[in-house]
Amino acid sequence: MKTPTRTVVHLLRHGEVHNPEGVLYGQLVGFHLSDLGHEMARVVANHLADHDVTQVVASSLQRAQETATPVAEAHGIPITTDDRVIEAANVFEGVRVAGMTPRAFVHPRHWSKLTNPLRPSWGEPYAEIAQRMAAAIDDVRAAARGHEAVIVSHQLPIWTVRNALMGKRLWHDPRKRECRLASLTTLTYLGDDLTSVTYSEPAAGLLAQSVGGTR
């Protein structure tokens, strides 16, 4: 009996962003990696240098493109831009959140946006995030069949599709996401069957230097 083909898809969260004002940037343009973020991207690229990577995909946001660049360069392949892996839209984009506590978001002026935390009512529905991410993963898995691929995305989309693939509920406490800066959520497939989901932090040694720690 023929052994099923092994394909690996790494979901890479971007590195630290230059964000001195502490803005919730979401899909806003103009937010690029900090110097530390570029270093994180290089560390991950070095970590993946001896992997059989044949596809690199990233969202169009600058921080994702900059994180993807050293990975793609290490393998001599182009970056494919795919906004199915972009950050989720959020009505709080542009709000300065540095120093704010979660209680600040339950101010009466925000009540109309917080009616359904299970959907959620303040942003793109979790189900839609999971659906678009899963479609992007399926396409890159087909393109890289028998090899490895890297998708550079963002914390919420990565965590949401991970929960979906593992059969877990999509709504969650954002503080409990296992998806730190420049981390890898690795999906391993045999044929079309997902056989394992693993998590690693190649740039863990740099996280303590990050202004936001994980953001």
Protein backbone atom coordinates (compact mmCIF):
# COMPACT_ATOMS: atom_id res chain seq x y z
CA MET A 1 0.00 0.00 0.00
CA LYS A 2 1.37 3.41 -0.99
CA THR A 3 2.42 5.64 1.93
CA PRO A 4 0.42 8.92 1.99
CA THR A 5 2.36 12.06 1.06
CA ARG A 6 3.53 14.15 4.01
CA THR A 7 2.94 17.90 3.73
CA VAL A 8 3.67 20.50 6.40
CA VAL A 9 2.15 23.97 6.70
CA HIS A 10 3.68 26.39 9.18
CA LEU A 11 1.45 29.26 10.36
CA LEU A 12 3.90 32.01 11.29
CA ARG A 13 2.78 35.01 13.28
CA HIS A 14 4.55 38.25 12.33
CA GLY A 15 7.28 39.78 14.48
CA GLU A 16 7.06 42.77 16.80
CA VAL A 17 5.49 45.88 15.27
CA HIS A 18 6.74 49.46 15.66
CA ASN A 19 3.81 50.89 17.60
CA PRO A 20 5.01 53.52 20.11
CA GLU A 21 1.50 54.90 20.63
CA GLY A 22 0.07 51.52 21.59
CA VAL A 23 -2.65 51.59 18.92
CA LEU A 24 -4.88 48.61 18.15
CA TYR A 25 -3.80 48.49 14.52
CA GLY A 26 -5.82 45.58 13.13
CA GLN A 27 -5.98 46.01 9.35
CA LEU A 28 -4.67 49.59 9.40
CA VAL A 29 -1.86 50.19 6.93
CA GLY A 30 1.51 51.70 7.78
CA PHE A 31 2.41 49.50 10.74
CA HIS A 32 5.80 47.96 10.03
CA LEU A 33 8.13 45.73 12.01
CA SER A 34 10.33 47.25 14.68
CA ASP A 35 14.07 46.55 14.62
CA LEU A 36 13.38 43.73 17.08
CA GLY A 37 10.60 42.45 14.82
CA HIS A 38 13.03 42.25 11.90
CA GLU A 39 15.43 40.33 14.12
CA MET A 40 12.63 37.92 15.06
CA ALA A 41 11.89 37.37 11.36
CA ARG A 42 15.54 36.57 10.67
CA VAL A 43 15.66 34.12 13.58
CA VAL A 44 12.62 32.25 12.24
CA ALA A 45 14.08 32.27 8.72
CA ASN A 46 17.27 30.69 10.07
CA HIS A 47 15.20 28.14 11.98
CA LEU A 48 13.42 27.13 8.77
CA ALA A 49 16.46 27.36 6.50
CA ASP A 50 17.02 23.60 6.32
CA HIS A 51 13.33 22.82 5.86
CA ASP A 52 11.94 21.86 2.47
CA VAL A 53 9.90 25.05 2.06
CA THR A 54 8.49 25.54 -1.46
CA GLN A 55 5.71 28.06 -0.78
CA VAL A 56 5.64 31.28 1.26
CA VAL A 57 2.32 33.10 1.63
CA ALA A 58 1.62 36.31 3.55
CA SER A 59 -1.16 38.82 4.05
CA SER A 60 -0.75 42.17 2.33
CA LEU A 61 -0.14 44.00 5.62
CA GLN A 62 3.38 45.39 5.86
CA ARG A 63 4.28 43.54 9.05
CA ALA A 64 3.40 40.20 7.45
CA GLN A 65 5.27 40.95 4.24
CA GLU A 66 8.37 42.00 6.18
CA THR A 67 8.24 38.84 8.31
CA ALA A 68 7.88 36.68 5.20
CA THR A 69 10.76 38.30 3.31
CA PRO A 70 13.76 36.59 5.00
CA VAL A 71 11.96 33.23 4.92
CA ALA A 72 11.30 33.52 1.18
CA GLU A 73 14.82 34.79 0.49
CA ALA A 74 16.36 31.87 2.39
CA HIS A 75 14.64 29.48 -0.01
CA GLY A 76 14.92 31.56 -3.18
CA ILE A 77 11.18 31.72 -3.73
CA PRO A 78 8.69 34.60 -4.10
CA ILE A 79 6.08 35.66 -1.57
CA THR A 80 2.49 34.97 -2.59
CA THR A 81 0.15 37.62 -1.17
CA ASP A 82 -3.19 36.26 -0.02
CA ASP A 83 -5.57 38.35 2.06
CA ARG A 84 -7.51 35.32 3.16
CA VAL A 85 -4.83 35.22 5.89
CA ILE A 86 -5.11 38.91 6.83
CA GLU A 87 -5.81 40.18 10.36
CA ALA A 88 -9.47 40.25 11.38
CA ALA A 89 -11.39 43.50 11.04
CA ASN A 90 -12.23 45.20 14.34
CA VAL A 91 -14.34 48.25 15.20
CA PHE A 92 -11.71 49.30 17.75
CA GLU A 93 -9.00 49.75 15.11
CA GLY A 94 -7.11 52.98 15.72
CA VAL A 95 -7.96 53.10 19.43
CA ARG A 96 -4.99 53.68 21.71
CA VAL A 97 -5.01 50.65 24.00
CA ALA A 98 -1.63 50.97 25.72
CA GLY A 99 -2.20 51.01 29.46
CA MET A 100 -5.92 50.26 29.12
CA THR A 101 -7.47 47.49 31.19
CA PRO A 102 -10.18 45.16 29.80
CA ARG A 103 -12.72 47.11 31.89
CA ALA A 104 -12.13 50.17 29.72
CA PHE A 105 -13.85 48.39 26.84
CA VAL A 106 -17.09 47.99 28.81
CA HIS A 107 -17.60 51.76 29.03
CA PRO A 108 -21.23 52.63 28.10
CA ARG A 109 -20.12 54.14 24.79
CA HIS A 110 -18.99 50.67 23.69
CA TRP A 111 -22.05 48.70 24.83
CA SER A 112 -23.63 48.52 21.37
CA LYS A 113 -20.47 46.86 20.05
CA LEU A 114 -20.27 44.25 22.80
CA THR A 115 -23.66 42.59 22.49
CA ASN A 116 -22.38 39.17 21.38
CA PRO A 117 -18.92 38.00 22.48
CA LEU A 118 -19.51 34.58 20.90
CA ARG A 119 -19.68 35.92 17.32
CA PRO A 120 -18.07 38.50 18.12
CA SER A 121 -20.16 41.63 17.57
CA TRP A 122 -17.13 43.99 17.53
CA GLY A 123 -15.39 42.40 14.55
CA GLU A 124 -15.26 39.78 11.85
CA PRO A 125 -17.15 36.62 12.89
CA TYR A 126 -14.91 33.82 14.12
CA ALA A 127 -16.61 31.37 11.73
CA GLU A 128 -15.71 33.54 8.73
CA ILE A 129 -12.11 33.91 9.90
CA ALA A 130 -11.79 30.14 10.25
CA GLN A 131 -13.36 29.52 6.85
CA ARG A 132 -11.07 31.88 4.92
CA MET A 133 -7.96 30.68 6.75
CA ALA A 134 -8.82 27.03 6.14
CA ALA A 135 -9.35 27.72 2.43
CA ALA A 136 -5.95 29.41 2.19
CA ILE A 137 -4.31 26.50 4.03
CA ASP A 138 -5.92 23.98 1.68
CA ASP A 139 -4.66 25.86 -1.39
CA VAL A 140 -1.09 26.24 -0.16
CA ARG A 141 -1.06 22.62 1.00
CA ALA A 142 -2.02 21.55 -2.52
CA ALA A 143 0.68 23.76 -4.04
CA ALA A 144 3.35 22.44 -1.65
CA ARG A 145 2.21 18.82 -1.63
CA GLY A 146 5.02 16.60 -0.43
CA HIS A 147 6.98 19.59 0.85
CA GLU A 148 6.55 22.41 3.38
CA ALA A 149 4.88 25.82 3.22
CA VAL A 150 4.87 28.91 5.40
CA ILE A 151 1.86 31.21 5.84
CA VAL A 152 2.62 34.51 7.58
CA SER A 153 -0.55 35.68 9.29
CA HIS A 154 -1.75 37.25 12.53
CA GLN A 155 -2.62 36.11 16.03
CA LEU A 156 -6.41 35.96 15.88
CA PRO A 157 -6.68 34.22 12.47
CA ILE A 158 -4.02 31.66 13.41
CA TRP A 159 -5.60 30.89 16.78
CA THR A 160 -9.10 30.73 15.29
CA VAL A 161 -8.25 28.31 12.51
CA ARG A 162 -6.20 26.20 14.94
CA ASN A 163 -9.28 25.84 17.14
CA ALA A 164 -11.43 25.02 14.12
CA LEU A 165 -9.04 22.35 12.84
CA MET A 166 -8.86 20.78 16.29
CA GLY A 167 -12.63 20.73 16.68
CA LYS A 168 -12.67 23.26 19.51
CA ARG A 169 -15.03 26.17 20.06
CA LEU A 170 -14.05 29.36 18.27
CA TRP A 171 -14.94 31.93 20.93
CA HIS A 172 -12.25 32.31 23.56
CA ASP A 173 -10.43 34.55 26.01
CA PRO A 174 -7.86 36.52 23.94
CA ARG A 175 -5.47 36.47 26.91
CA LYS A 176 -5.20 32.69 26.62
CA ARG A 177 -4.17 32.43 22.97
CA GLU A 178 -1.04 30.37 22.41
CA CYS A 179 0.33 32.43 19.54
CA ARG A 180 3.15 34.76 20.54
CA LEU A 181 5.17 36.99 18.24
CA ALA A 182 7.10 35.11 15.51
CA SER A 183 5.71 31.78 16.72
CA LEU A 184 5.00 28.76 14.53
CA THR A 185 1.80 26.74 14.61
CA THR A 186 2.72 23.73 12.52
CA LEU A 187 0.17 21.56 10.74
CA THR A 188 1.32 18.16 9.50
CA TYR A 189 -0.74 16.24 6.94
CA LEU A 190 -0.48 12.70 5.62
CA GLY A 191 -2.38 12.82 2.38
CA ASP A 192 -5.39 14.96 3.22
CA ASP A 193 -5.51 13.96 6.87
CA LEU A 194 -4.29 16.39 9.52
CA THR A 195 -2.18 14.22 11.82
CA SER A 196 -0.66 16.76 14.21
CA VAL A 197 -0.75 20.38 15.33
CA THR A 198 2.35 21.59 17.16
CA TYR A 199 3.48 24.95 18.49
CA SER A 200 6.97 26.41 18.81
CA GLU A 201 8.67 29.74 19.47
CA PRO A 202 11.94 29.95 17.51
CA ALA A 203 12.39 33.58 18.60
CA ALA A 204 11.57 32.92 22.26
CA GLY A 205 14.86 34.43 23.37
CA LEU A 206 13.81 37.80 21.93
CA LEU A 207 10.30 37.96 23.40
CA ALA A 208 11.45 39.39 26.74
CA GLN A 209 12.79 42.41 24.83
CA SER A 210 9.45 43.12 23.17
CA VAL A 211 7.68 46.26 24.35
CA GLY A 212 4.33 44.50 24.35
CA GLY A 213 5.61 41.08 25.34
CA THR A 214 3.28 39.24 22.97
CA ARG A 215 1.40 41.82 20.93
